Amino acid sequence: MKLVLFQEGTGPQQPGLLTERGVVDISGAVRPNHSPQLVMEGIIDDFERLRPTLDKLVQTATALPMSAVRLRAPLPRPHHILCAIANYWEHAQREARPLNMFMKNPDAVIGPDDTIELPEFTVPWMFMHEAELALVIKGPAKMVTRENWQDAVFGYTCLIDV
């Protein structure tokens, strides 16, 4: 099941499901809220209860064609973006080292086909980009271990680290 935020024209961002037929609007099935981020957080919190309804909507609801919508960032203002630098070891030419983590600014989130705006005070070639897999954590997630990590992960999305 692929959850998305989408927009028709200049209308508000709406929650939806991406299907082979297009995007199915699910705003009538989920808790309304005053921001797209909070709507998506509500879907994550309520997902087990919502799943049968969402499964039915995927099969029966009218889908908007992709040409009629613009996909937006699925989580436009996440609380935290925690990144790991231990996933790249120059093609395994180095010994593994402790997992190093760093934070990204949630203001840096943009959606599909949006433009990355680089700061004006530096040269563009200094910026590198990497395609990453982003895990969406359902919270609170504390004391996560190798044995229970799946309890903390809601899903995944794409991320371009710049």
C-alpha atoms as a PDB file:
ATOM      1  CA  MET A   1       0.000   0.000   0.000  1.00  0.00           C
ATOM      2  CA  LYS A   2       1.517   3.320  -1.084  1.00  0.00           C
ATOM      3  CA  LEU A   3       0.385   6.333   0.927  1.00  0.00           C
ATOM      4  CA  VAL A   4       0.872   9.734  -0.707  1.00  0.00           C
ATOM      5  CA  LEU A   5       0.025  13.366  -0.312  1.00  0.00           C
ATOM      6  CA  PHE A   6      -1.235  14.902  -3.522  1.00  0.00           C
ATOM      7  CA  GLN A   7      -2.617  18.135  -4.847  1.00  0.00           C
ATOM      8  CA  GLU A   8      -5.071  18.890  -7.631  1.00  0.00           C
ATOM      9  CA  GLY A   9      -4.177  22.218  -9.231  1.00  0.00           C
ATOM     10  CA  THR A  10      -3.792  24.841  -6.516  1.00  0.00           C
ATOM     11  CA  GLY A  11      -6.084  22.997  -4.108  1.00  0.00           C
ATOM     12  CA  PRO A  12      -5.072  21.763  -0.667  1.00  0.00           C
ATOM     13  CA  GLN A  13      -2.823  18.770  -0.172  1.00  0.00           C
ATOM     14  CA  GLN A  14      -4.865  15.590   0.348  1.00  0.00           C
ATOM     15  CA  PRO A  15      -3.943  12.104   1.547  1.00  0.00           C
ATOM     16  CA  GLY A  16      -4.205   9.377  -1.027  1.00  0.00           C
ATOM     17  CA  LEU A  17      -3.209   5.917  -2.155  1.00  0.00           C
ATOM     18  CA  LEU A  18      -1.055   5.457  -5.223  1.00  0.00           C
ATOM     19  CA  THR A  19      -2.447   2.653  -7.367  1.00  0.00           C
ATOM     20  CA  GLU A  20      -1.851   1.330 -10.879  1.00  0.00           C
ATOM     21  CA  ARG A  21      -4.967   3.297 -11.901  1.00  0.00           C
ATOM     22  CA  GLY A  22      -3.774   6.587 -10.396  1.00  0.00           C
ATOM     23  CA  VAL A  23      -4.315   8.263  -7.025  1.00  0.00           C
ATOM     24  CA  VAL A  24      -7.290   7.420  -4.818  1.00  0.00           C
ATOM     25  CA  ASP A  25      -8.345  10.228  -2.470  1.00  0.00           C
ATOM     26  CA  ILE A  26      -8.695   8.862   1.082  1.00  0.00           C
ATOM     27  CA  SER A  27      -9.404  12.162   2.845  1.00  0.00           C
ATOM     28  CA  GLY A  28     -12.973  11.049   3.634  1.00  0.00           C
ATOM     29  CA  ALA A  29     -11.723   7.947   5.460  1.00  0.00           C
ATOM     30  CA  VAL A  30      -9.069   9.527   7.684  1.00  0.00           C
ATOM     31  CA  ARG A  31      -9.050  12.026  10.536  1.00  0.00           C
ATOM     32  CA  PRO A  32      -8.924  15.605   9.241  1.00  0.00           C
ATOM     33  CA  ASN A  33      -6.304  17.913  10.679  1.00  0.00           C
ATOM     34  CA  HIS A  34      -4.945  21.387  10.099  1.00  0.00           C
ATOM     35  CA  SER A  35      -1.743  20.348   8.302  1.00  0.00           C
ATOM     36  CA  PRO A  36      -0.811  17.623   5.808  1.00  0.00           C
ATOM     37  CA  GLN A  37       1.914  16.417   8.195  1.00  0.00           C
ATOM     38  CA  LEU A  38      -0.593  15.881  11.010  1.00  0.00           C
ATOM     39  CA  VAL A  39      -3.004  14.100   8.653  1.00  0.00           C
ATOM     40  CA  MET A  40      -0.257  11.642   7.712  1.00  0.00           C
ATOM     41  CA  GLU A  41       0.743  11.190  11.369  1.00  0.00           C
ATOM     42  CA  GLY A  42      -2.904  10.372  12.119  1.00  0.00           C
ATOM     43  CA  ILE A  43      -2.939   7.776   9.337  1.00  0.00           C
ATOM     44  CA  ILE A  44       0.214   6.182  10.770  1.00  0.00           C
ATOM     45  CA  ASP A  45      -1.275   6.161  14.287  1.00  0.00           C
ATOM     46  CA  ASP A  46      -4.621   4.746  13.070  1.00  0.00           C
ATOM     47  CA  PHE A  47      -3.257   2.484  10.327  1.00  0.00           C
ATOM     48  CA  GLU A  48      -4.294  -0.908  11.715  1.00  0.00           C
ATOM     49  CA  ARG A  49      -7.855   0.345  12.193  1.00  0.00           C
ATOM     50  CA  LEU A  50      -7.886   2.060   8.771  1.00  0.00           C
ATOM     51  CA  ARG A  51      -6.317  -0.765   6.766  1.00  0.00           C
ATOM     52  CA  PRO A  52      -9.540  -2.633   5.836  1.00  0.00           C
ATOM     53  CA  THR A  53     -11.152   0.617   4.655  1.00  0.00           C
ATOM     54  CA  LEU A  54      -8.049   1.618   2.692  1.00  0.00           C
ATOM     55  CA  ASP A  55      -7.817  -1.844   1.104  1.00  0.00           C
ATOM     56  CA  LYS A  56     -11.427  -1.501  -0.026  1.00  0.00           C
ATOM     57  CA  LEU A  57     -10.848   2.010  -1.406  1.00  0.00           C
ATOM     58  CA  VAL A  58      -7.884   0.762  -3.456  1.00  0.00           C
ATOM     59  CA  GLN A  59     -10.213  -1.702  -5.167  1.00  0.00           C
ATOM     60  CA  THR A  60     -13.423   0.322  -5.503  1.00  0.00           C
ATOM     61  CA  ALA A  61     -12.817   4.080  -5.390  1.00  0.00           C
ATOM     62  CA  THR A  62     -12.363   6.232  -8.462  1.00  0.00           C
ATOM     63  CA  ALA A  63      -8.720   7.018  -9.104  1.00  0.00           C
ATOM     64  CA  LEU A  64      -7.495  10.379 -10.326  1.00  0.00           C
ATOM     65  CA  PRO A  65      -5.094  10.042 -13.261  1.00  0.00           C
ATOM     66  CA  MET A  66      -1.488  10.927 -12.483  1.00  0.00           C
ATOM     67  CA  SER A  67      -1.683  13.699 -15.079  1.00  0.00           C
ATOM     68  CA  ALA A  68      -4.339  15.433 -12.941  1.00  0.00           C
ATOM     69  CA  VAL A  69      -2.388  15.503  -9.670  1.00  0.00           C
ATOM     70  CA  ARG A  70       0.943  16.581  -8.284  1.00  0.00           C
ATOM     71  CA  LEU A  71       2.569  14.321  -5.730  1.00  0.00           C
ATOM     72  CA  ARG A  72       3.925  16.133  -2.683  1.00  0.00           C
ATOM     73  CA  ALA A  73       6.382  15.078   0.027  1.00  0.00           C
ATOM     74  CA  PRO A  74       4.723  12.171   1.875  1.00  0.00           C
ATOM     75  CA  LEU A  75       5.829  13.601   5.241  1.00  0.00           C
ATOM     76  CA  PRO A  76       6.278  17.325   4.577  1.00  0.00           C
ATOM     77  CA  ARG A  77       7.491  18.278   8.061  1.00  0.00           C
ATOM     78  CA  PRO A  78       8.894  15.242   9.907  1.00  0.00           C
ATOM     79  CA  HIS A  79       9.851  15.772  13.521  1.00  0.00           C
ATOM     80  CA  HIS A  80      13.332  14.338  13.026  1.00  0.00           C
ATOM     81  CA  ILE A  81      15.483  13.249  10.120  1.00  0.00           C
ATOM     82  CA  LEU A  82      18.217  11.024  11.476  1.00  0.00           C
ATOM     83  CA  CYS A  83      20.802   9.848   8.954  1.00  0.00           C
ATOM     84  CA  ALA A  84      23.479   7.180   9.192  1.00  0.00           C
ATOM     85  CA  ILE A  85      26.883   7.605   7.595  1.00  0.00           C
ATOM     86  CA  ALA A  86      27.898   4.001   8.144  1.00  0.00           C
ATOM     87  CA  ASN A  87      26.188   2.733   5.018  1.00  0.00           C
ATOM     88  CA  TYR A  88      29.004   3.714   2.660  1.00  0.00           C
ATOM     89  CA  TRP A  89      32.440   2.242   3.143  1.00  0.00           C
ATOM     90  CA  GLU A  90      34.178   3.022  -0.155  1.00  0.00           C
ATOM     91  CA  HIS A  91      32.942  -0.281  -1.532  1.00  0.00           C
ATOM     92  CA  ALA A  92      33.896  -2.270   1.588  1.00  0.00           C
ATOM     93  CA  GLN A  93      37.565  -1.316   1.412  1.00  0.00           C
ATOM     94  CA  ARG A  94      37.546  -0.246   5.044  1.00  0.00           C
ATOM     95  CA  GLU A  95      36.758  -2.034   8.250  1.00  0.00           C
ATOM     96  CA  ALA A  96      33.368  -1.404   9.732  1.00  0.00           C
ATOM     97  CA  ARG A  97      33.297   1.318  12.365  1.00  0.00           C
ATOM     98  CA  PRO A  98      30.672   2.332  14.936  1.00  0.00           C
ATOM     99  CA  LEU A  99      27.444   3.624  13.483  1.00  0.00           C
ATOM    100  CA  ASN A 100      27.667   7.399  13.119  1.00  0.00           C
ATOM    101  CA  MET A 101      24.457   9.410  13.003  1.00  0.00           C
ATOM    102  CA  PHE A 102      23.635  13.017  12.165  1.00  0.00           C
ATOM    103  CA  MET A 103      20.475  15.104  11.961  1.00  0.00           C
ATOM    104  CA  LYS A 104      19.038  16.819   8.885  1.00  0.00           C
ATOM    105  CA  ASN A 105      16.867  19.901   9.090  1.00  0.00           C
ATOM    106  CA  PRO A 106      13.159  19.013   8.549  1.00  0.00           C
ATOM    107  CA  ASP A 107      12.813  22.323   6.663  1.00  0.00           C
ATOM    108  CA  ALA A 108      14.883  20.723   3.884  1.00  0.00           C
ATOM    109  CA  VAL A 109      12.062  18.377   2.824  1.00  0.00           C
ATOM    110  CA  ILE A 110      10.693  18.850  -0.678  1.00  0.00           C
ATOM    111  CA  GLY A 111       8.487  16.659  -2.840  1.00  0.00           C
ATOM    112  CA  PRO A 112       8.740  14.873  -6.175  1.00  0.00           C
ATOM    113  CA  ASP A 113       9.780  17.151  -9.060  1.00  0.00           C
ATOM    114  CA  ASP A 114      10.499  20.053  -6.674  1.00  0.00           C
ATOM    115  CA  THR A 115      13.750  21.962  -7.143  1.00  0.00           C
ATOM    116  CA  ILE A 116      16.611  21.664  -4.696  1.00  0.00           C
ATOM    117  CA  GLU A 117      17.724  25.197  -3.864  1.00  0.00           C
ATOM    118  CA  LEU A 118      21.396  25.451  -3.002  1.00  0.00           C
ATOM    119  CA  PRO A 119      22.689  28.296  -0.812  1.00  0.00           C
ATOM    120  CA  GLU A 120      23.951  31.305  -2.765  1.00  0.00           C
ATOM    121  CA  PHE A 121      27.119  31.716  -0.698  1.00  0.00           C
ATOM    122  CA  THR A 122      28.997  28.716  -2.048  1.00  0.00           C
ATOM    123  CA  VAL A 123      29.814  26.925  -5.267  1.00  0.00           C
ATOM    124  CA  PRO A 124      27.328  24.263  -6.466  1.00  0.00           C
ATOM    125  CA  TRP A 125      29.966  21.592  -7.172  1.00  0.00           C
ATOM    126  CA  MET A 126      30.552  21.322  -3.421  1.00  0.00           C
ATOM    127  CA  PHE A 127      27.200  19.615  -2.997  1.00  0.00           C
ATOM    128  CA  MET A 128      26.937  15.893  -3.488  1.00  0.00           C
ATOM    129  CA  HIS A 129      23.703  13.966  -3.783  1.00  0.00           C
ATOM    130  CA  GLU A 130      22.954  10.394  -2.798  1.00  0.00           C
ATOM    131  CA  ALA A 131      19.817   8.345  -3.275  1.00  0.00           C
ATOM    132  CA  GLU A 132      18.805   6.895   0.085  1.00  0.00           C
ATOM    133  CA  LEU A 133      16.161   4.641   1.561  1.00  0.00           C
ATOM    134  CA  ALA A 134      14.269   6.515   4.293  1.00  0.00           C
ATOM    135  CA  LEU A 135      12.550   4.524   7.019  1.00  0.00           C
ATOM    136  CA  VAL A 136       9.392   6.011   8.511  1.00  0.00           C
ATOM    137  CA  ILE A 137       9.408   5.307  12.223  1.00  0.00           C
ATOM    138  CA  LYS A 138       6.166   5.129  14.167  1.00  0.00           C
ATOM    139  CA  GLY A 139       6.683   6.512  17.611  1.00  0.00           C
ATOM    140  CA  PRO A 140       7.531   6.484  20.263  1.00  0.00           C
ATOM    141  CA  ALA A 141      10.408   4.191  19.371  1.00  0.00           C
ATOM    142  CA  LYS A 142      12.732   3.528  22.278  1.00  0.00           C
ATOM    143  CA  MET A 143      15.164   0.745  23.033  1.00  0.00           C
ATOM    144  CA  VAL A 144      14.902  -0.641  19.505  1.00  0.00           C
ATOM    145  CA  THR A 145      16.926  -3.825  19.071  1.00  0.00           C
ATOM    146  CA  ARG A 146      17.743  -6.245  16.289  1.00  0.00           C
ATOM    147  CA  GLU A 147      14.894  -8.402  17.524  1.00  0.00           C
ATOM    148  CA  ASN A 148      12.152  -5.731  17.662  1.00  0.00           C
ATOM    149  CA  TRP A 149      13.128  -3.194  14.987  1.00  0.00           C
ATOM    150  CA  GLN A 150      10.132  -4.101  12.815  1.00  0.00           C
ATOM    151  CA  ASP A 151       7.787  -2.928  15.567  1.00  0.00           C
ATOM    152  CA  ALA A 152       9.235   0.583  15.172  1.00  0.00           C
ATOM    153  CA  VAL A 153       9.147   0.823  11.356  1.00  0.00           C
ATOM    154  CA  PHE A 154       5.907   1.959   9.718  1.00  0.00           C
ATOM    155  CA  GLY A 155       7.170   1.995   6.158  1.00  0.00           C
ATOM    156  CA  TYR A 156       9.711   3.530   3.822  1.00  0.00           C
ATOM    157  CA  THR A 157      10.097   6.213   1.190  1.00  0.00           C
ATOM    158  CA  CYS A 158      12.813   7.675  -1.031  1.00  0.00           C
ATOM    159  CA  LEU A 159      15.205  10.383   0.042  1.00  0.00           C
ATOM    160  CA  ILE A 160      17.836  12.350  -1.832  1.00  0.00           C
ATOM    161  CA  ASP A 161      20.542  13.361   0.602  1.00  0.00           C
ATOM    162  CA  VAL A 162      22.211  16.599  -0.528  1.00  0.00           C
END
